[in-house]
Amino acid sequence: MKVIALKCNNCHTIIFSRARHDMRGCSCWSASPDNPGIAIDGGFEYCKVSHGSKSKYSVISNYDIGEISKEALYHDWNMQNDNYGLIMENEDTTRWYNCPHCDAGYPDQECICKENEE
């Protein structure tokens, strides 16, 4: 199933609303006007985005949440199970080393070019 989702560029959380009155906030969301977070509401009926003055986010119009029905999403919200609607994205912790000699990037290791052997 595909949904409208938002990605918070501050906490890297992806959120979507499971049902009509399911207001879902990211990890850094608060009701303060200058908060950096975001929230989404409306489920499959409408899309309302709430955000603070310092919020930065991306809209993902066809985010694939896998094989799940609207009824199961509604039940998840209605029963307050909260298994869906909030996806914590792992930040990429790969360290990249760029060699000034060969202009190559190596993940998790330093450059291995001959110029670097000095």
N, C-alpha and C. Protein backbone atom coordinates (compact mmCIF):
# COMPACT_ATOMS: atom_id res chain seq x y z
N MET A 1 0.84 -1.17 0.00
CA MET A 1 0.00 0.00 0.00
C MET A 1 0.89 1.24 0.00
N LYS A 2 0.45 2.25 -0.70
CA LYS A 2 1.19 3.50 -0.76
C LYS A 2 0.39 4.60 -0.04
N VAL A 3 1.13 5.45 0.69
CA VAL A 3 0.51 6.52 1.47
C VAL A 3 1.28 7.82 1.22
N ILE A 4 0.66 8.92 1.63
CA ILE A 4 1.37 10.19 1.65
C ILE A 4 2.13 10.24 2.97
N ALA A 5 3.42 10.45 2.90
CA ALA A 5 4.25 10.49 4.09
C ALA A 5 5.08 11.76 4.10
N LEU A 6 5.58 12.10 5.27
CA LEU A 6 6.48 13.24 5.43
C LEU A 6 7.77 12.73 6.06
N LYS A 7 8.89 13.31 5.66
CA LYS A 7 10.16 13.00 6.29
C LYS A 7 10.69 14.28 6.93
N CYS A 8 10.91 14.23 8.23
CA CYS A 8 11.46 15.36 8.96
C CYS A 8 12.97 15.41 8.68
N ASN A 9 13.44 16.53 8.19
CA ASN A 9 14.87 16.65 7.90
C ASN A 9 15.69 16.93 9.16
N ASN A 10 15.02 17.12 10.28
CA ASN A 10 15.73 17.34 11.53
C ASN A 10 16.01 16.02 12.26
N CYS A 11 14.98 15.21 12.50
CA CYS A 11 15.17 13.95 13.24
C CYS A 11 15.18 12.73 12.32
N HIS A 12 14.96 12.92 11.03
CA HIS A 12 14.99 11.86 10.01
C HIS A 12 13.89 10.82 10.19
N THR A 13 12.80 11.20 10.84
CA THR A 13 11.67 10.31 11.03
C THR A 13 10.72 10.44 9.85
N ILE A 14 10.16 9.33 9.40
CA ILE A 14 9.13 9.32 8.36
C ILE A 14 7.81 9.05 9.05
N ILE A 15 6.81 9.89 8.77
CA ILE A 15 5.50 9.75 9.41
C ILE A 15 4.39 9.71 8.37
N PHE A 16 3.32 9.00 8.71
CA PHE A 16 2.09 9.03 7.91
C PHE A 16 0.91 8.83 8.83
N SER A 17 -0.24 9.32 8.39
CA SER A 17 -1.45 9.23 9.19
C SER A 17 -2.22 7.98 8.81
N ARG A 18 -2.65 7.21 9.81
CA ARG A 18 -3.31 5.93 9.56
C ARG A 18 -4.81 6.03 9.40
N ALA A 19 -5.42 7.10 9.94
CA ALA A 19 -6.88 7.23 9.92
C ALA A 19 -7.25 8.71 9.91
N ARG A 20 -8.52 9.00 9.69
CA ARG A 20 -8.99 10.37 9.50
C ARG A 20 -8.53 11.34 10.59
N HIS A 21 -8.60 10.99 11.83
CA HIS A 21 -8.23 11.89 12.92
C HIS A 21 -6.93 11.47 13.61
N ASP A 22 -6.10 10.76 12.90
CA ASP A 22 -4.81 10.30 13.44
C ASP A 22 -3.75 11.36 13.15
N MET A 23 -3.50 12.22 14.12
CA MET A 23 -2.43 13.21 13.96
C MET A 23 -1.15 12.59 14.47
N ARG A 24 -0.21 12.45 13.56
CA ARG A 24 1.04 11.75 13.86
C ARG A 24 2.19 12.74 13.78
N GLY A 25 2.96 12.87 14.86
CA GLY A 25 4.11 13.78 14.88
C GLY A 25 5.42 13.03 14.81
N CYS A 26 6.44 13.69 14.32
CA CYS A 26 7.77 13.09 14.27
C CYS A 26 8.39 13.11 15.67
N SER A 27 9.58 12.61 15.80
CA SER A 27 10.25 12.51 17.10
C SER A 27 10.52 13.86 17.74
N CYS A 28 10.71 14.90 16.94
CA CYS A 28 11.03 16.21 17.53
C CYS A 28 9.85 17.18 17.50
N TRP A 29 8.64 16.67 17.23
CA TRP A 29 7.44 17.50 17.18
C TRP A 29 7.02 17.95 18.57
N SER A 30 6.61 19.22 18.65
CA SER A 30 5.95 19.74 19.85
C SER A 30 4.96 20.80 19.40
N ALA A 31 4.09 21.23 20.27
CA ALA A 31 3.07 22.22 19.91
C ALA A 31 3.62 23.65 19.89
N SER A 32 4.87 23.83 20.24
CA SER A 32 5.49 25.15 20.26
C SER A 32 5.60 25.72 18.83
N PRO A 33 5.35 27.01 18.63
CA PRO A 33 5.40 27.59 17.28
C PRO A 33 6.79 27.57 16.64
N ASP A 34 7.84 27.52 17.45
CA ASP A 34 9.18 27.52 16.86
C ASP A 34 9.84 26.14 16.91
N ASN A 35 9.04 25.08 17.03
CA ASN A 35 9.61 23.74 17.08
C ASN A 35 10.15 23.32 15.71
N PRO A 36 11.12 22.42 15.68
CA PRO A 36 11.69 21.99 14.40
C PRO A 36 10.95 20.80 13.78
N GLY A 37 9.92 20.28 14.45
CA GLY A 37 9.26 19.07 14.01
C GLY A 37 8.06 19.29 13.10
N ILE A 38 7.46 18.16 12.70
CA ILE A 38 6.31 18.16 11.79
C ILE A 38 5.27 17.16 12.29
N ALA A 39 4.04 17.32 11.80
CA ALA A 39 2.96 16.37 12.08
C ALA A 39 2.07 16.27 10.85
N ILE A 40 1.41 15.13 10.71
CA ILE A 40 0.50 14.91 9.59
C ILE A 40 -0.82 14.35 10.15
N ASP A 41 -1.92 14.68 9.49
CA ASP A 41 -3.24 14.26 9.92
C ASP A 41 -4.09 13.98 8.69
N GLY A 42 -5.11 13.16 8.83
CA GLY A 42 -6.08 12.98 7.76
C GLY A 42 -6.22 11.59 7.19
N GLY A 43 -5.28 10.71 7.45
CA GLY A 43 -5.38 9.36 6.91
C GLY A 43 -5.48 9.35 5.40
N PHE A 44 -6.52 8.68 4.91
CA PHE A 44 -6.72 8.56 3.46
C PHE A 44 -7.76 9.56 2.95
N GLU A 45 -8.31 10.39 3.84
CA GLU A 45 -9.38 11.32 3.45
C GLU A 45 -8.88 12.71 3.12
N TYR A 46 -7.88 13.19 3.81
CA TYR A 46 -7.30 14.51 3.54
C TYR A 46 -5.88 14.51 4.08
N CYS A 47 -5.11 15.52 3.75
CA CYS A 47 -3.74 15.61 4.24
C CYS A 47 -3.51 16.99 4.83
N LYS A 48 -3.35 17.04 6.14
CA LYS A 48 -3.06 18.29 6.82
C LYS A 48 -1.67 18.18 7.44
N VAL A 49 -0.81 19.13 7.10
CA VAL A 49 0.55 19.16 7.62
C VAL A 49 0.66 20.29 8.64
N SER A 50 1.19 20.00 9.80
CA SER A 50 1.45 21.00 10.82
C SER A 50 2.96 21.05 11.04
N HIS A 51 3.47 22.27 11.19
CA HIS A 51 4.92 22.40 11.38
C HIS A 51 5.22 23.71 12.08
N GLY A 52 6.39 23.77 12.69
CA GLY A 52 6.85 24.98 13.35
C GLY A 52 7.62 25.86 12.37
N SER A 53 8.00 27.02 12.83
CA SER A 53 8.70 27.98 11.96
C SER A 53 10.10 27.51 11.58
N LYS A 54 10.66 26.57 12.33
CA LYS A 54 12.00 26.08 12.04
C LYS A 54 12.00 24.69 11.39
N SER A 55 10.83 24.22 10.99
CA SER A 55 10.71 22.88 10.41
C SER A 55 11.21 22.83 8.98
N LYS A 56 11.86 21.72 8.66
CA LYS A 56 12.25 21.42 7.29
C LYS A 56 11.85 19.97 7.05
N TYR A 57 11.12 19.75 5.95
CA TYR A 57 10.63 18.40 5.70
C TYR A 57 10.45 18.16 4.21
N SER A 58 10.31 16.90 3.87
CA SER A 58 10.06 16.48 2.49
C SER A 58 8.75 15.72 2.45
N VAL A 59 7.98 15.91 1.37
CA VAL A 59 6.74 15.16 1.16
C VAL A 59 7.05 13.98 0.26
N ILE A 60 6.63 12.80 0.69
CA ILE A 60 6.79 11.58 -0.11
C ILE A 60 5.39 11.14 -0.50
N SER A 61 4.99 11.43 -1.74
CA SER A 61 3.59 11.24 -2.13
C SER A 61 3.19 9.78 -2.34
N ASN A 62 4.11 8.89 -2.59
CA ASN A 62 3.77 7.48 -2.80
C ASN A 62 4.70 6.59 -1.98
N TYR A 63 4.70 6.77 -0.66
CA TYR A 63 5.56 5.98 0.21
C TYR A 63 4.97 4.58 0.39
N ASP A 64 5.75 3.56 0.09
CA ASP A 64 5.28 2.18 0.15
C ASP A 64 5.46 1.64 1.57
N ILE A 65 4.34 1.31 2.22
CA ILE A 65 4.38 0.78 3.58
C ILE A 65 4.21 -0.74 3.60
N GLY A 66 4.18 -1.36 2.44
CA GLY A 66 4.07 -2.81 2.37
C GLY A 66 2.63 -3.28 2.27
N GLU A 67 2.44 -4.56 2.50
CA GLU A 67 1.14 -5.19 2.36
C GLU A 67 0.34 -5.06 3.66
N ILE A 68 -0.46 -4.03 3.76
CA ILE A 68 -1.32 -3.82 4.92
C ILE A 68 -2.59 -3.12 4.43
N SER A 69 -3.70 -3.46 5.02
CA SER A 69 -4.98 -2.88 4.58
C SER A 69 -5.29 -1.59 5.34
N LYS A 70 -6.20 -0.80 4.77
CA LYS A 70 -6.68 0.40 5.45
C LYS A 70 -7.34 0.03 6.78
N GLU A 71 -8.05 -1.09 6.78
CA GLU A 71 -8.72 -1.53 7.99
C GLU A 71 -7.71 -1.86 9.10
N ALA A 72 -6.61 -2.49 8.73
CA ALA A 72 -5.58 -2.82 9.73
C ALA A 72 -4.91 -1.55 10.25
N LEU A 73 -4.71 -0.57 9.39
CA LEU A 73 -4.14 0.71 9.84
C LEU A 73 -5.10 1.42 10.79
N TYR A 74 -6.40 1.41 10.43
CA TYR A 74 -7.41 2.03 11.31
C TYR A 74 -7.43 1.34 12.67
N HIS A 75 -7.41 0.02 12.66
CA HIS A 75 -7.43 -0.76 13.90
C HIS A 75 -6.18 -0.43 14.74
N ASP A 76 -5.04 -0.30 14.10
CA ASP A 76 -3.79 0.03 14.79
C ASP A 76 -3.91 1.38 15.50
N TRP A 77 -4.54 2.35 14.83
CA TRP A 77 -4.76 3.67 15.42
C TRP A 77 -5.84 3.60 16.52
N ASN A 78 -6.98 3.01 16.19
CA ASN A 78 -8.13 2.99 17.09
C ASN A 78 -7.83 2.25 18.40
N MET A 79 -7.06 1.19 18.34
CA MET A 79 -6.72 0.41 19.52
C MET A 79 -5.44 0.91 20.19
N GLN A 80 -4.87 1.98 19.64
CA GLN A 80 -3.64 2.59 20.15
C GLN A 80 -2.48 1.61 20.24
N ASN A 81 -2.42 0.73 19.24
CA ASN A 81 -1.29 -0.22 19.18
C ASN A 81 0.00 0.49 18.75
N ASP A 82 -0.16 1.46 17.85
CA ASP A 82 0.96 2.27 17.36
C ASP A 82 2.10 1.47 16.75
N ASN A 83 1.76 0.47 15.97
CA ASN A 83 2.77 -0.29 15.24
C ASN A 83 3.11 0.36 13.90
N TYR A 84 2.25 1.26 13.43
CA TYR A 84 2.45 1.89 12.13
C TYR A 84 2.34 3.41 12.26
N GLY A 85 2.84 4.10 11.26
CA GLY A 85 2.68 5.55 11.20
C GLY A 85 3.94 6.33 11.55
N LEU A 86 4.88 5.70 12.23
CA LEU A 86 6.12 6.36 12.64
C LEU A 86 7.28 5.44 12.30
N ILE A 87 8.13 5.89 11.41
CA ILE A 87 9.25 5.06 10.97
C ILE A 87 10.54 5.80 11.29
N MET A 88 11.31 5.25 12.18
CA MET A 88 12.59 5.85 12.53
C MET A 88 13.61 5.39 11.49
N GLU A 89 14.16 6.35 10.79
CA GLU A 89 15.13 6.02 9.76
C GLU A 89 16.52 6.04 10.36
N ASN A 90 17.28 5.00 10.14
CA ASN A 90 18.65 4.97 10.65
C ASN A 90 19.49 5.94 9.85
N GLU A 91 20.22 6.76 10.55
CA GLU A 91 21.12 7.68 9.87
C GLU A 91 22.32 6.89 9.36
N ASP A 92 22.81 7.28 8.21
CA ASP A 92 23.99 6.64 7.64
C ASP A 92 25.20 7.06 8.46
N THR A 93 25.84 6.09 9.10
CA THR A 93 27.01 6.39 9.92
C THR A 93 28.31 6.04 9.21
N THR A 94 28.25 5.77 7.92
CA THR A 94 29.45 5.45 7.16
C THR A 94 30.37 6.66 7.14
N ARG A 95 31.63 6.43 7.46
CA ARG A 95 32.63 7.50 7.36
C ARG A 95 33.30 7.40 6.00
N TRP A 96 33.32 8.51 5.28
CA TRP A 96 33.92 8.54 3.97
C TRP A 96 35.24 9.29 4.03
N TYR A 97 36.26 8.70 3.44
CA TYR A 97 37.57 9.33 3.36
C TYR A 97 37.82 9.69 1.90
N ASN A 98 38.08 10.94 1.62
CA ASN A 98 38.35 11.38 0.26
C ASN A 98 39.84 11.63 0.10
N CYS A 99 40.42 11.02 -0.90
CA CYS A 99 41.85 11.14 -1.15
C CYS A 99 42.13 12.38 -2.00
N PRO A 100 43.04 13.25 -1.57
CA PRO A 100 43.37 14.42 -2.37
C PRO A 100 44.19 14.08 -3.61
N HIS A 101 44.77 12.87 -3.65
CA HIS A 101 45.61 12.48 -4.78
C HIS A 101 44.82 11.84 -5.92
N CYS A 102 43.98 10.87 -5.59
CA CYS A 102 43.27 10.13 -6.64
C CYS A 102 41.80 10.53 -6.76
N ASP A 103 41.34 11.42 -5.88
CA ASP A 103 39.96 11.94 -5.91
C ASP A 103 38.91 10.85 -5.75
N ALA A 104 39.26 9.76 -5.07
CA ALA A 104 38.32 8.67 -4.84
C ALA A 104 37.80 8.73 -3.41
N GLY A 105 36.63 8.18 -3.19
CA GLY A 105 36.07 8.08 -1.84
C GLY A 105 36.01 6.63 -1.43
N TYR A 106 36.39 6.37 -0.20
CA TYR A 106 36.40 5.02 0.31
C TYR A 106 35.55 4.94 1.57
N PRO A 107 34.57 4.05 1.60
CA PRO A 107 33.75 3.94 2.82
C PRO A 107 34.50 3.21 3.93
N ASP A 108 34.47 3.77 5.12
CA ASP A 108 35.03 3.17 6.33
C ASP A 108 36.50 2.78 6.27
N GLN A 109 37.25 3.36 5.37
CA GLN A 109 38.69 3.14 5.35
C GLN A 109 39.37 4.32 4.67
N GLU A 110 40.62 4.52 4.98
CA GLU A 110 41.34 5.60 4.34
C GLU A 110 41.77 5.17 2.94
N CYS A 111 42.16 6.14 2.14
CA CYS A 111 42.56 5.89 0.77
C CYS A 111 43.71 4.88 0.70
N ILE A 112 43.69 4.04 -0.32
CA ILE A 112 44.71 3.02 -0.47
C ILE A 112 45.57 3.26 -1.73
N CYS A 113 45.52 4.47 -2.27
CA CYS A 113 46.31 4.73 -3.48
C CYS A 113 47.80 4.85 -3.12
N LYS A 114 48.66 4.68 -4.10
CA LYS A 114 50.11 4.68 -3.88
C LYS A 114 50.61 6.03 -3.38
N GLU A 115 49.98 7.13 -3.80
CA GLU A 115 50.40 8.45 -3.37
C GLU A 115 50.24 8.63 -1.86
N ASN A 116 49.37 7.88 -1.27
CA ASN A 116 49.08 8.00 0.16
C ASN A 116 50.02 7.16 1.01
N GLU A 117 50.87 6.35 0.40
CA GLU A 117 51.76 5.46 1.13
C GLU A 117 52.96 6.18 1.70
N GLU A 118 53.20 7.42 1.35
CA GLU A 118 54.39 8.16 1.79
C GLU A 118 54.47 8.31 3.26
